[in-house]
Amino acid sequence: MSFKIVNNDITKMHVDAIVNAANTGLKEGGGVCGAIFRAAGAEKLRAACSKLAPIKTGEAVITPGFNLPAKYIIHTAGPIYRDGKQRERELLRSCYLNSLKLAMENHCKSIAFPLISSGIYGYPKEEAKAAAVEAIEEFLNTNGDEMEVYLIIFEKN
């Protein structure tokens, strides 16, 4: 089991799966989502996503990685942060846990996550990071898996 927090561009990660912080319609968005669509090949990814949409907040689905170094893209819809009292943490944890479960079901040995919901969805970064770490460690401890997990904190230098 390996879990690392790194500063990197998720679209350049050489892992079995990267996670897209998606919207429930699985439409091309801004931020991480937009970068993933552009790097994967927007037309192909749009077509694949249209067959799976919509999803509910906290759910996860999988598509090929197309032009990315990753074999798969796992799309999960994070919660929009309101006040922390609308089940946001529970839904955010579900994003990580459902993505990890899907990765395991698809025999992924490595996966990279962005900090889900911490951009335009307004989740406070430190709280989002704490929820991510907690969910990832819980999954790895429970499943005793040999999966390599990366949490990507993208900060421009």
N, C-alpha and C. Protein backbone atom coordinates (compact mmCIF):
# COMPACT_ATOMS: atom_id res chain seq x y z
N MET A 1 0.86 -1.19 0.00
CA MET A 1 0.00 0.00 0.00
C MET A 1 0.89 1.23 0.00
N SER A 2 0.55 2.15 -0.86
CA SER A 2 1.32 3.37 -0.98
C SER A 2 0.37 4.54 -1.20
N PHE A 3 0.53 5.58 -0.40
CA PHE A 3 -0.30 6.77 -0.55
C PHE A 3 0.60 7.97 -0.45
N LYS A 4 0.58 8.81 -1.50
CA LYS A 4 1.44 9.99 -1.53
C LYS A 4 0.63 11.21 -1.95
N ILE A 5 0.96 12.33 -1.34
CA ILE A 5 0.40 13.62 -1.74
C ILE A 5 1.50 14.33 -2.52
N VAL A 6 1.20 14.70 -3.77
CA VAL A 6 2.22 15.30 -4.63
C VAL A 6 1.69 16.52 -5.36
N ASN A 7 2.61 17.40 -5.74
CA ASN A 7 2.29 18.55 -6.57
C ASN A 7 2.62 18.15 -8.00
N ASN A 8 1.59 18.02 -8.83
CA ASN A 8 1.82 17.59 -10.21
C ASN A 8 0.61 17.97 -11.05
N ASP A 9 0.72 17.75 -12.34
CA ASP A 9 -0.38 17.91 -13.28
C ASP A 9 -1.00 16.53 -13.46
N ILE A 10 -2.25 16.37 -13.05
CA ILE A 10 -2.89 15.04 -13.08
C ILE A 10 -2.93 14.45 -14.49
N THR A 11 -2.98 15.29 -15.51
CA THR A 11 -3.06 14.77 -16.88
C THR A 11 -1.74 14.16 -17.35
N LYS A 12 -0.69 14.36 -16.59
CA LYS A 12 0.63 13.81 -16.96
C LYS A 12 1.02 12.61 -16.09
N MET A 13 0.12 12.19 -15.21
CA MET A 13 0.43 11.08 -14.30
C MET A 13 0.40 9.74 -15.05
N HIS A 14 1.45 8.94 -14.88
CA HIS A 14 1.54 7.61 -15.47
C HIS A 14 1.01 6.61 -14.45
N VAL A 15 -0.32 6.51 -14.40
CA VAL A 15 -1.02 5.61 -13.48
C VAL A 15 -2.08 4.87 -14.29
N ASP A 16 -2.66 3.84 -13.68
CA ASP A 16 -3.71 3.09 -14.38
C ASP A 16 -4.97 3.94 -14.56
N ALA A 17 -5.28 4.76 -13.56
CA ALA A 17 -6.49 5.59 -13.64
C ALA A 17 -6.24 6.96 -13.01
N ILE A 18 -6.81 7.97 -13.65
CA ILE A 18 -6.87 9.28 -13.00
C ILE A 18 -8.34 9.56 -12.73
N VAL A 19 -8.59 10.41 -11.76
CA VAL A 19 -9.96 10.75 -11.39
C VAL A 19 -10.28 12.16 -11.87
N ASN A 20 -11.43 12.27 -12.50
CA ASN A 20 -11.92 13.55 -12.97
C ASN A 20 -12.93 14.08 -11.95
N ALA A 21 -12.71 15.28 -11.47
CA ALA A 21 -13.69 15.96 -10.61
C ALA A 21 -14.77 16.49 -11.53
N ALA A 22 -15.77 15.65 -11.77
CA ALA A 22 -16.78 15.91 -12.79
C ALA A 22 -18.01 16.61 -12.23
N ASN A 23 -18.86 17.04 -13.15
CA ASN A 23 -20.20 17.50 -12.78
C ASN A 23 -21.15 16.33 -13.03
N THR A 24 -22.35 16.41 -12.50
CA THR A 24 -23.28 15.27 -12.61
C THR A 24 -23.68 14.96 -14.05
N GLY A 25 -23.59 15.93 -14.93
CA GLY A 25 -23.89 15.70 -16.34
C GLY A 25 -22.73 15.14 -17.14
N LEU A 26 -21.56 15.01 -16.48
CA LEU A 26 -20.33 14.53 -17.12
C LEU A 26 -19.97 15.37 -18.35
N LYS A 27 -20.29 16.64 -18.27
CA LYS A 27 -19.97 17.58 -19.34
C LYS A 27 -18.59 18.18 -19.12
N GLU A 28 -17.97 18.58 -20.21
CA GLU A 28 -16.67 19.25 -20.13
C GLU A 28 -16.83 20.54 -19.34
N GLY A 29 -15.98 20.72 -18.35
CA GLY A 29 -16.06 21.91 -17.51
C GLY A 29 -14.76 22.68 -17.54
N GLY A 30 -14.54 23.46 -16.51
CA GLY A 30 -13.30 24.20 -16.38
C GLY A 30 -12.36 23.45 -15.45
N GLY A 31 -11.31 24.11 -15.02
CA GLY A 31 -10.38 23.55 -14.03
C GLY A 31 -9.85 22.19 -14.42
N VAL A 32 -9.80 21.28 -13.44
CA VAL A 32 -9.27 19.93 -13.65
C VAL A 32 -10.06 19.21 -14.74
N CYS A 33 -11.37 19.32 -14.69
CA CYS A 33 -12.23 18.64 -15.66
C CYS A 33 -11.90 19.08 -17.09
N GLY A 34 -11.79 20.36 -17.31
CA GLY A 34 -11.46 20.87 -18.63
C GLY A 34 -10.09 20.41 -19.10
N ALA A 35 -9.13 20.42 -18.19
CA ALA A 35 -7.77 19.97 -18.53
C ALA A 35 -7.76 18.49 -18.92
N ILE A 36 -8.53 17.68 -18.22
CA ILE A 36 -8.60 16.25 -18.53
C ILE A 36 -9.25 16.04 -19.89
N PHE A 37 -10.35 16.75 -20.17
CA PHE A 37 -11.00 16.62 -21.48
C PHE A 37 -10.04 16.99 -22.60
N ARG A 38 -9.34 18.11 -22.44
CA ARG A 38 -8.41 18.55 -23.49
C ARG A 38 -7.28 17.54 -23.70
N ALA A 39 -6.71 17.04 -22.61
CA ALA A 39 -5.58 16.12 -22.72
C ALA A 39 -6.00 14.74 -23.24
N ALA A 40 -7.20 14.31 -22.89
CA ALA A 40 -7.67 12.99 -23.32
C ALA A 40 -8.13 12.97 -24.77
N GLY A 41 -8.58 14.13 -25.23
CA GLY A 41 -9.21 14.22 -26.55
C GLY A 41 -10.68 14.47 -26.31
N ALA A 42 -11.06 15.73 -26.35
CA ALA A 42 -12.40 16.15 -25.92
C ALA A 42 -13.53 15.44 -26.66
N GLU A 43 -13.39 15.27 -27.97
CA GLU A 43 -14.48 14.66 -28.74
C GLU A 43 -14.75 13.22 -28.30
N LYS A 44 -13.68 12.43 -28.18
CA LYS A 44 -13.84 11.03 -27.76
C LYS A 44 -14.38 10.93 -26.34
N LEU A 45 -13.86 11.78 -25.46
CA LEU A 45 -14.29 11.72 -24.07
C LEU A 45 -15.74 12.18 -23.92
N ARG A 46 -16.13 13.21 -24.68
CA ARG A 46 -17.54 13.66 -24.66
C ARG A 46 -18.46 12.51 -25.05
N ALA A 47 -18.12 11.79 -26.11
CA ALA A 47 -18.94 10.68 -26.59
C ALA A 47 -19.06 9.58 -25.54
N ALA A 48 -17.94 9.25 -24.89
CA ALA A 48 -17.96 8.20 -23.87
C ALA A 48 -18.79 8.63 -22.66
N CYS A 49 -18.63 9.87 -22.26
CA CYS A 49 -19.36 10.38 -21.09
C CYS A 49 -20.86 10.48 -21.34
N SER A 50 -21.23 10.83 -22.55
CA SER A 50 -22.65 11.01 -22.85
C SER A 50 -23.42 9.70 -22.67
N LYS A 51 -22.75 8.57 -22.81
CA LYS A 51 -23.39 7.26 -22.63
C LYS A 51 -23.60 6.91 -21.16
N LEU A 52 -22.88 7.59 -20.26
CA LEU A 52 -22.92 7.27 -18.82
C LEU A 52 -23.68 8.29 -17.98
N ALA A 53 -23.92 9.46 -18.56
CA ALA A 53 -24.54 10.56 -17.81
C ALA A 53 -26.05 10.37 -17.75
N PRO A 54 -26.67 10.94 -16.74
CA PRO A 54 -26.08 11.66 -15.60
C PRO A 54 -25.72 10.70 -14.47
N ILE A 55 -24.91 11.21 -13.54
CA ILE A 55 -24.61 10.47 -12.32
C ILE A 55 -25.02 11.35 -11.13
N LYS A 56 -25.11 10.73 -9.97
CA LYS A 56 -25.46 11.47 -8.76
C LYS A 56 -24.18 11.90 -8.05
N THR A 57 -24.29 12.93 -7.24
CA THR A 57 -23.15 13.38 -6.43
C THR A 57 -22.67 12.21 -5.57
N GLY A 58 -21.36 11.98 -5.61
CA GLY A 58 -20.75 10.90 -4.84
C GLY A 58 -20.56 9.62 -5.64
N GLU A 59 -21.23 9.49 -6.77
CA GLU A 59 -21.09 8.30 -7.61
C GLU A 59 -19.85 8.41 -8.49
N ALA A 60 -19.45 7.27 -9.06
CA ALA A 60 -18.29 7.24 -9.95
C ALA A 60 -18.56 6.31 -11.12
N VAL A 61 -18.06 6.70 -12.29
CA VAL A 61 -18.14 5.89 -13.51
C VAL A 61 -16.77 5.91 -14.18
N ILE A 62 -16.57 5.00 -15.12
CA ILE A 62 -15.24 4.87 -15.72
C ILE A 62 -15.32 4.92 -17.25
N THR A 63 -14.33 5.57 -17.85
CA THR A 63 -14.18 5.61 -19.30
C THR A 63 -12.72 5.29 -19.64
N PRO A 64 -12.44 5.01 -20.91
CA PRO A 64 -11.04 4.89 -21.31
C PRO A 64 -10.30 6.21 -21.10
N GLY A 65 -9.00 6.14 -21.03
CA GLY A 65 -8.17 7.34 -20.88
C GLY A 65 -7.86 8.03 -22.19
N PHE A 66 -8.15 7.37 -23.30
CA PHE A 66 -7.90 7.91 -24.64
C PHE A 66 -6.46 8.39 -24.79
N ASN A 67 -6.21 9.68 -24.97
CA ASN A 67 -4.86 10.18 -25.24
C ASN A 67 -4.01 10.42 -23.99
N LEU A 68 -4.54 10.12 -22.83
CA LEU A 68 -3.79 10.32 -21.59
C LEU A 68 -2.82 9.17 -21.36
N PRO A 69 -1.79 9.38 -20.52
CA PRO A 69 -0.93 8.26 -20.15
C PRO A 69 -1.68 7.23 -19.29
N ALA A 70 -2.78 7.62 -18.67
CA ALA A 70 -3.59 6.72 -17.83
C ALA A 70 -4.50 5.87 -18.73
N LYS A 71 -4.68 4.61 -18.35
CA LYS A 71 -5.54 3.70 -19.10
C LYS A 71 -7.01 4.10 -18.97
N TYR A 72 -7.39 4.58 -17.77
CA TYR A 72 -8.78 4.91 -17.49
C TYR A 72 -8.92 6.31 -16.89
N ILE A 73 -10.12 6.85 -17.04
CA ILE A 73 -10.54 8.05 -16.31
C ILE A 73 -11.75 7.65 -15.49
N ILE A 74 -11.67 7.86 -14.20
CA ILE A 74 -12.82 7.64 -13.33
C ILE A 74 -13.42 9.01 -13.06
N HIS A 75 -14.69 9.16 -13.37
CA HIS A 75 -15.39 10.43 -13.22
C HIS A 75 -16.25 10.35 -11.97
N THR A 76 -16.10 11.32 -11.08
CA THR A 76 -16.92 11.36 -9.88
C THR A 76 -17.41 12.78 -9.67
N ALA A 77 -18.65 12.90 -9.25
CA ALA A 77 -19.25 14.22 -9.06
C ALA A 77 -19.19 14.60 -7.58
N GLY A 78 -18.37 15.58 -7.28
CA GLY A 78 -18.22 16.05 -5.90
C GLY A 78 -19.36 16.97 -5.50
N PRO A 79 -19.49 17.17 -4.19
CA PRO A 79 -20.54 18.05 -3.70
C PRO A 79 -20.16 19.52 -3.85
N ILE A 80 -21.17 20.35 -4.06
CA ILE A 80 -20.98 21.79 -3.99
C ILE A 80 -21.02 22.15 -2.51
N TYR A 81 -20.00 22.87 -2.05
CA TYR A 81 -19.93 23.23 -0.63
C TYR A 81 -20.88 24.39 -0.34
N ARG A 82 -21.74 24.19 0.64
CA ARG A 82 -22.67 25.24 1.04
C ARG A 82 -22.28 25.79 2.41
N ASP A 83 -22.46 24.97 3.43
CA ASP A 83 -22.12 25.42 4.79
C ASP A 83 -21.52 24.30 5.64
N GLY A 84 -21.26 23.15 5.03
CA GLY A 84 -20.70 22.02 5.75
C GLY A 84 -21.74 21.20 6.51
N LYS A 85 -23.00 21.58 6.39
CA LYS A 85 -24.06 20.89 7.13
C LYS A 85 -25.06 20.19 6.20
N GLN A 86 -24.72 20.09 4.92
CA GLN A 86 -25.62 19.49 3.93
C GLN A 86 -25.06 18.14 3.43
N ARG A 87 -24.45 17.40 4.32
CA ARG A 87 -23.85 16.08 4.01
C ARG A 87 -22.65 16.20 3.05
N GLU A 88 -22.04 17.39 2.98
CA GLU A 88 -20.94 17.58 2.04
C GLU A 88 -19.78 16.62 2.29
N ARG A 89 -19.37 16.47 3.56
CA ARG A 89 -18.24 15.59 3.87
C ARG A 89 -18.55 14.13 3.51
N GLU A 90 -19.73 13.69 3.84
CA GLU A 90 -20.15 12.32 3.52
C GLU A 90 -20.14 12.10 2.01
N LEU A 91 -20.66 13.05 1.26
CA LEU A 91 -20.68 12.94 -0.19
C LEU A 91 -19.28 13.00 -0.78
N LEU A 92 -18.43 13.84 -0.22
CA LEU A 92 -17.05 13.94 -0.70
C LEU A 92 -16.30 12.63 -0.45
N ARG A 93 -16.47 12.08 0.74
CA ARG A 93 -15.83 10.78 1.04
C ARG A 93 -16.32 9.70 0.07
N SER A 94 -17.61 9.75 -0.28
CA SER A 94 -18.17 8.78 -1.23
C SER A 94 -17.48 8.87 -2.59
N CYS A 95 -17.13 10.08 -3.00
CA CYS A 95 -16.40 10.24 -4.26
C CYS A 95 -15.12 9.42 -4.26
N TYR A 96 -14.35 9.56 -3.20
CA TYR A 96 -13.07 8.84 -3.10
C TYR A 96 -13.30 7.34 -2.97
N LEU A 97 -14.19 6.94 -2.08
CA LEU A 97 -14.42 5.51 -1.84
C LEU A 97 -14.99 4.82 -3.07
N ASN A 98 -15.96 5.44 -3.74
CA ASN A 98 -16.55 4.82 -4.94
C ASN A 98 -15.55 4.78 -6.09
N SER A 99 -14.70 5.79 -6.19
CA SER A 99 -13.66 5.80 -7.23
C SER A 99 -12.65 4.69 -6.98
N LEU A 100 -12.24 4.53 -5.74
CA LEU A 100 -11.27 3.47 -5.40
C LEU A 100 -11.87 2.09 -5.63
N LYS A 101 -13.12 1.92 -5.28
CA LYS A 101 -13.80 0.64 -5.50
C LYS A 101 -13.85 0.32 -6.99
N LEU A 102 -14.20 1.31 -7.80
CA LEU A 102 -14.26 1.12 -9.25
C LEU A 102 -12.88 0.81 -9.82
N ALA A 103 -11.86 1.47 -9.31
CA ALA A 103 -10.49 1.19 -9.75
C ALA A 103 -10.11 -0.25 -9.42
N MET A 104 -10.44 -0.70 -8.23
CA MET A 104 -10.12 -2.06 -7.81
C MET A 104 -10.87 -3.07 -8.70
N GLU A 105 -12.15 -2.80 -8.98
CA GLU A 105 -12.95 -3.69 -9.83
C GLU A 105 -12.37 -3.79 -11.24
N ASN A 106 -11.67 -2.74 -11.68
CA ASN A 106 -11.05 -2.72 -13.00
C ASN A 106 -9.57 -3.06 -12.97
N HIS A 107 -9.14 -3.65 -11.86
CA HIS A 107 -7.77 -4.16 -11.70
C HIS A 107 -6.69 -3.10 -11.80
N CYS A 108 -7.02 -1.88 -11.39
CA CYS A 108 -6.04 -0.80 -11.38
C CYS A 108 -5.09 -0.98 -10.20
N LYS A 109 -3.83 -0.81 -10.47
CA LYS A 109 -2.81 -0.90 -9.41
C LYS A 109 -2.36 0.49 -8.95
N SER A 110 -2.76 1.52 -9.72
CA SER A 110 -2.39 2.89 -9.36
C SER A 110 -3.48 3.85 -9.80
N ILE A 111 -3.67 4.90 -8.99
CA ILE A 111 -4.72 5.87 -9.25
C ILE A 111 -4.28 7.24 -8.72
N ALA A 112 -4.67 8.28 -9.45
CA ALA A 112 -4.35 9.65 -9.02
C ALA A 112 -5.64 10.46 -8.93
N PHE A 113 -5.81 11.13 -7.80
CA PHE A 113 -6.97 11.97 -7.53
C PHE A 113 -6.59 13.43 -7.52
N PRO A 114 -7.48 14.30 -8.02
CA PRO A 114 -7.33 15.72 -7.73
C PRO A 114 -7.96 15.97 -6.36
N LEU A 115 -7.88 17.16 -5.86
CA LEU A 115 -8.56 17.52 -4.61
C LEU A 115 -10.00 17.88 -4.99
N ILE A 116 -10.85 16.88 -4.96
CA ILE A 116 -12.24 16.99 -5.45
C ILE A 116 -13.02 18.06 -4.70
N SER A 117 -13.78 18.83 -5.44
CA SER A 117 -14.70 19.88 -4.95
C SER A 117 -14.02 21.12 -4.40
N SER A 118 -12.69 21.18 -4.47
CA SER A 118 -11.98 22.31 -3.84
C SER A 118 -11.78 23.51 -4.77
N GLY A 119 -12.24 23.39 -6.00
CA GLY A 119 -12.13 24.51 -6.94
C GLY A 119 -13.42 25.30 -6.99
N ILE A 120 -14.06 25.27 -8.13
CA ILE A 120 -15.28 26.04 -8.35
C ILE A 120 -16.43 25.62 -7.41
N TYR A 121 -16.37 24.38 -6.89
CA TYR A 121 -17.42 23.91 -5.98
C TYR A 121 -17.26 24.43 -4.56
N GLY A 122 -16.16 25.12 -4.31
CA GLY A 122 -16.01 25.91 -3.09
C GLY A 122 -15.69 25.19 -1.80
N TYR A 123 -15.33 23.92 -1.85
CA TYR A 123 -15.00 23.19 -0.62
C TYR A 123 -13.69 23.75 -0.07
N PRO A 124 -13.65 24.15 1.20
CA PRO A 124 -12.39 24.67 1.76
C PRO A 124 -11.26 23.63 1.59
N LYS A 125 -10.13 24.07 1.05
CA LYS A 125 -9.05 23.15 0.67
C LYS A 125 -8.57 22.25 1.81
N GLU A 126 -8.36 22.80 2.99
CA GLU A 126 -7.86 21.96 4.10
C GLU A 126 -8.88 20.93 4.53
N GLU A 127 -10.15 21.31 4.54
CA GLU A 127 -11.22 20.35 4.89
C GLU A 127 -11.35 19.29 3.80
N ALA A 128 -11.24 19.69 2.54
CA ALA A 128 -11.31 18.74 1.42
C ALA A 128 -10.15 17.76 1.49
N LYS A 129 -8.98 18.27 1.81
CA LYS A 129 -7.79 17.42 1.92
C LYS A 129 -7.94 16.43 3.07
N ALA A 130 -8.44 16.87 4.21
CA ALA A 130 -8.63 15.98 5.36
C ALA A 130 -9.62 14.88 5.03
N ALA A 131 -10.71 15.21 4.36
CA ALA A 131 -11.71 14.20 3.99
C ALA A 131 -11.11 13.20 2.99
N ALA A 132 -10.32 13.70 2.04
CA ALA A 132 -9.69 12.83 1.05
C ALA A 132 -8.73 11.85 1.71
N VAL A 133 -7.86 12.36 2.56
CA VAL A 133 -6.87 11.52 3.24
C VAL A 133 -7.58 10.46 4.08
N GLU A 134 -8.58 10.86 4.80
CA GLU A 134 -9.33 9.93 5.66
C GLU A 134 -9.97 8.81 4.82
N ALA A 135 -10.62 9.16 3.74
CA ALA A 135 -11.30 8.17 2.90
C ALA A 135 -10.29 7.24 2.23
N ILE A 136 -9.22 7.78 1.70
CA ILE A 136 -8.21 6.96 1.02
C ILE A 136 -7.55 6.00 2.00
N GLU A 137 -7.15 6.50 3.16
CA GLU A 137 -6.51 5.62 4.15
C GLU A 137 -7.48 4.55 4.64
N GLU A 138 -8.73 4.91 4.84
CA GLU A 138 -9.74 3.93 5.26
C GLU A 138 -9.87 2.82 4.22
N PHE A 139 -9.94 3.20 2.95
CA PHE A 139 -10.07 2.21 1.88
C PHE A 139 -8.85 1.29 1.84
N LEU A 140 -7.67 1.87 1.87
CA LEU A 140 -6.45 1.07 1.78
C LEU A 140 -6.31 0.14 2.99
N ASN A 141 -6.65 0.62 4.17
CA ASN A 141 -6.57 -0.21 5.37
C ASN A 141 -7.59 -1.34 5.35
N THR A 142 -8.78 -1.06 4.84
CA THR A 142 -9.85 -2.05 4.80
C THR A 142 -9.61 -3.10 3.73
N ASN A 143 -9.09 -2.70 2.59
CA ASN A 143 -8.94 -3.61 1.47
C ASN A 143 -7.57 -4.28 1.38
N GLY A 144 -6.64 -3.82 2.20
CA GLY A 144 -5.32 -4.43 2.21
C GLY A 144 -4.72 -4.57 0.81
N ASP A 145 -5.08 -3.64 -0.03
CA ASP A 145 -4.70 -3.71 -1.43
C ASP A 145 -3.28 -3.19 -1.64
N GLU A 146 -2.72 -3.55 -2.76
CA GLU A 146 -1.39 -3.07 -3.13
C GLU A 146 -1.46 -1.86 -4.06
N MET A 147 -2.57 -1.16 -4.02
CA MET A 147 -2.77 -0.03 -4.92
C MET A 147 -1.91 1.16 -4.51
N GLU A 148 -1.32 1.83 -5.52
CA GLU A 148 -0.60 3.09 -5.30
C GLU A 148 -1.61 4.21 -5.50
N VAL A 149 -1.75 5.07 -4.51
CA VAL A 149 -2.72 6.16 -4.60
C VAL A 149 -2.00 7.49 -4.46
N TYR A 150 -2.30 8.40 -5.36
CA TYR A 150 -1.74 9.74 -5.34
C TYR A 150 -2.87 10.75 -5.18
N LEU A 151 -2.65 11.71 -4.32
CA LEU A 151 -3.53 12.86 -4.20
C LEU A 151 -2.75 14.03 -4.78
N ILE A 152 -3.25 14.58 -5.87
CA ILE A 152 -2.53 15.62 -6.59
C ILE A 152 -3.01 16.99 -6.11
N ILE A 153 -2.08 17.74 -5.58
CA ILE A 153 -2.34 19.12 -5.19
C ILE A 153 -1.60 19.97 -6.22
N PHE A 154 -2.33 20.53 -7.16
CA PHE A 154 -1.70 21.27 -8.25
C PHE A 154 -1.55 22.73 -7.85
N GLU A 155 -0.30 23.13 -7.65
CA GLU A 155 0.01 24.52 -7.31
C GLU A 155 1.02 25.04 -8.31
N LYS A 156 0.68 26.10 -8.98
CA LYS A 156 1.62 26.70 -9.92
C LYS A 156 2.74 27.37 -9.15
N ASN A 157 3.96 27.13 -9.58
CA ASN A 157 5.12 27.72 -8.91
C ASN A 157 5.46 29.07 -9.48
